[in-house]
Amino acid sequence: MTGKPIAEMTFEEAMGALEAVVTQLERGDVALEQSIAFYERGAALKAHCADKLKAAEEKVELIRAQEGRAVGTTPAEGM
């Protein structure tokens, strides 16, 4: 579980690390304390991935709004 800090990971790196954590937990052959550490890391990786996805969605919405094809429900500033 060492390596690049989660905050510095790309979405793809974090997803790969999360898949590795899930695999380890599913195998069930680690001690309780290690399982807890894996779970905590998995939760942090999941949150990081969710943040990356949200940022990507916001960028897409901004692009759509700039092209005059906004589809969101939040009014633009100044309206």
C-alpha atoms as a PDB file:
ATOM      1  CA  MET A   1       0.000   0.000   0.000  1.00  0.00           C
ATOM      2  CA  THR A   2       2.911   2.328  -0.446  1.00  0.00           C
ATOM      3  CA  GLY A   3       3.570   4.497  -3.440  1.00  0.00           C
ATOM      4  CA  LYS A   4       2.152   7.739  -4.750  1.00  0.00           C
ATOM      5  CA  PRO A   5      -0.037   9.730  -2.335  1.00  0.00           C
ATOM      6  CA  ILE A   6      -3.714   9.459  -3.220  1.00  0.00           C
ATOM      7  CA  ALA A   7      -4.064  13.219  -3.736  1.00  0.00           C
ATOM      8  CA  GLU A   8      -1.462  13.031  -6.520  1.00  0.00           C
ATOM      9  CA  MET A   9      -3.069  10.099  -8.351  1.00  0.00           C
ATOM     10  CA  THR A  10      -4.899  10.390 -11.632  1.00  0.00           C
ATOM     11  CA  PHE A  11      -8.381   8.957 -11.829  1.00  0.00           C
ATOM     12  CA  GLU A  12      -7.051   5.876 -13.608  1.00  0.00           C
ATOM     13  CA  GLU A  13      -4.307   5.307 -11.040  1.00  0.00           C
ATOM     14  CA  ALA A  14      -6.759   5.643  -8.176  1.00  0.00           C
ATOM     15  CA  MET A  15      -9.209   3.227  -9.802  1.00  0.00           C
ATOM     16  CA  GLY A  16      -6.427   0.681 -10.292  1.00  0.00           C
ATOM     17  CA  ALA A  17      -5.345   1.048  -6.669  1.00  0.00           C
ATOM     18  CA  LEU A  18      -8.967   0.723  -5.534  1.00  0.00           C
ATOM     19  CA  GLU A  19      -9.378  -2.463  -7.549  1.00  0.00           C
ATOM     20  CA  ALA A  20      -6.230  -3.857  -5.898  1.00  0.00           C
ATOM     21  CA  VAL A  21      -7.609  -3.015  -2.450  1.00  0.00           C
ATOM     22  CA  VAL A  22     -10.929  -4.693  -3.233  1.00  0.00           C
ATOM     23  CA  THR A  23      -9.113  -7.791  -4.484  1.00  0.00           C
ATOM     24  CA  GLN A  24      -7.069  -7.984  -1.277  1.00  0.00           C
ATOM     25  CA  LEU A  25     -10.169  -7.607   0.883  1.00  0.00           C
ATOM     26  CA  GLU A  26     -12.117 -10.185  -1.107  1.00  0.00           C
ATOM     27  CA  ARG A  27      -9.345 -12.729  -0.720  1.00  0.00           C
ATOM     28  CA  GLY A  28      -9.814 -12.502   3.034  1.00  0.00           C
ATOM     29  CA  ASP A  29      -6.334 -13.741   3.879  1.00  0.00           C
ATOM     30  CA  VAL A  30      -5.061 -10.648   5.699  1.00  0.00           C
ATOM     31  CA  ALA A  31      -5.081  -9.900   9.405  1.00  0.00           C
ATOM     32  CA  LEU A  32      -7.854  -7.782  10.889  1.00  0.00           C
ATOM     33  CA  GLU A  33      -5.649  -4.707  11.364  1.00  0.00           C
ATOM     34  CA  GLN A  34      -4.430  -4.941   7.771  1.00  0.00           C
ATOM     35  CA  SER A  35      -8.012  -5.343   6.572  1.00  0.00           C
ATOM     36  CA  ILE A  36      -8.951  -2.148   8.380  1.00  0.00           C
ATOM     37  CA  ALA A  37      -6.007  -0.322   6.781  1.00  0.00           C
ATOM     38  CA  PHE A  38      -7.055  -1.610   3.349  1.00  0.00           C
ATOM     39  CA  TYR A  39     -10.639  -0.519   3.973  1.00  0.00           C
ATOM     40  CA  GLU A  40      -9.547   2.977   5.028  1.00  0.00           C
ATOM     41  CA  ARG A  41      -7.359   3.292   1.927  1.00  0.00           C
ATOM     42  CA  GLY A  42     -10.200   2.046  -0.242  1.00  0.00           C
ATOM     43  CA  ALA A  43     -12.557   4.653   1.199  1.00  0.00           C
ATOM     44  CA  ALA A  44      -9.998   7.399   0.513  1.00  0.00           C
ATOM     45  CA  LEU A  45      -9.450   6.132  -3.038  1.00  0.00           C
ATOM     46  CA  LYS A  46     -13.206   6.015  -3.664  1.00  0.00           C
ATOM     47  CA  ALA A  47     -13.598   9.607  -2.442  1.00  0.00           C
ATOM     48  CA  HIS A  48     -10.692  10.725  -4.636  1.00  0.00           C
ATOM     49  CA  CYS A  49     -12.253   9.067  -7.698  1.00  0.00           C
ATOM     50  CA  ALA A  50     -15.610  10.687  -6.931  1.00  0.00           C
ATOM     51  CA  ASP A  51     -13.938  14.098  -6.686  1.00  0.00           C
ATOM     52  CA  LYS A  52     -12.153  13.571 -10.012  1.00  0.00           C
ATOM     53  CA  LEU A  53     -15.432  12.554 -11.693  1.00  0.00           C
ATOM     54  CA  LYS A  54     -17.261  15.558 -10.259  1.00  0.00           C
ATOM     55  CA  ALA A  55     -14.532  17.892 -11.540  1.00  0.00           C
ATOM     56  CA  ALA A  56     -14.761  16.323 -14.990  1.00  0.00           C
ATOM     57  CA  GLU A  57     -18.551  16.682 -15.033  1.00  0.00           C
ATOM     58  CA  GLU A  58     -18.234  20.346 -14.055  1.00  0.00           C
ATOM     59  CA  LYS A  59     -15.780  20.947 -16.903  1.00  0.00           C
ATOM     60  CA  VAL A  60     -18.164  19.331 -19.393  1.00  0.00           C
ATOM     61  CA  GLU A  61     -21.050  21.473 -18.113  1.00  0.00           C
ATOM     62  CA  LEU A  62     -18.902  24.596 -18.459  1.00  0.00           C
ATOM     63  CA  ILE A  63     -18.013  23.685 -22.034  1.00  0.00           C
ATOM     64  CA  ARG A  64     -21.672  23.080 -22.857  1.00  0.00           C
ATOM     65  CA  ALA A  65     -22.661  26.386 -21.281  1.00  0.00           C
ATOM     66  CA  GLN A  66     -20.035  28.231 -23.309  1.00  0.00           C
ATOM     67  CA  GLU A  67     -21.378  26.628 -26.473  1.00  0.00           C
ATOM     68  CA  GLY A  68     -24.927  27.661 -25.636  1.00  0.00           C
ATOM     69  CA  ARG A  69     -26.116  24.137 -24.929  1.00  0.00           C
ATOM     70  CA  ALA A  70     -26.304  24.159 -21.144  1.00  0.00           C
ATOM     71  CA  VAL A  71     -28.388  21.327 -19.773  1.00  0.00           C
ATOM     72  CA  GLY A  72     -27.932  21.849 -16.018  1.00  0.00           C
ATOM     73  CA  THR A  73     -30.545  23.100 -13.599  1.00  0.00           C
ATOM     74  CA  THR A  74     -28.390  25.776 -11.994  1.00  0.00           C
ATOM     75  CA  PRO A  75     -28.841  29.233 -13.525  1.00  0.00           C
ATOM     76  CA  ALA A  76     -25.726  30.995 -14.754  1.00  0.00           C
ATOM     77  CA  GLU A  77     -24.316  33.747 -12.564  1.00  0.00           C
ATOM     78  CA  GLY A  78     -25.727  37.182 -13.203  1.00  0.00           C
ATOM     79  CA  MET A  79     -29.106  35.941 -14.394  1.00  0.00           C
END
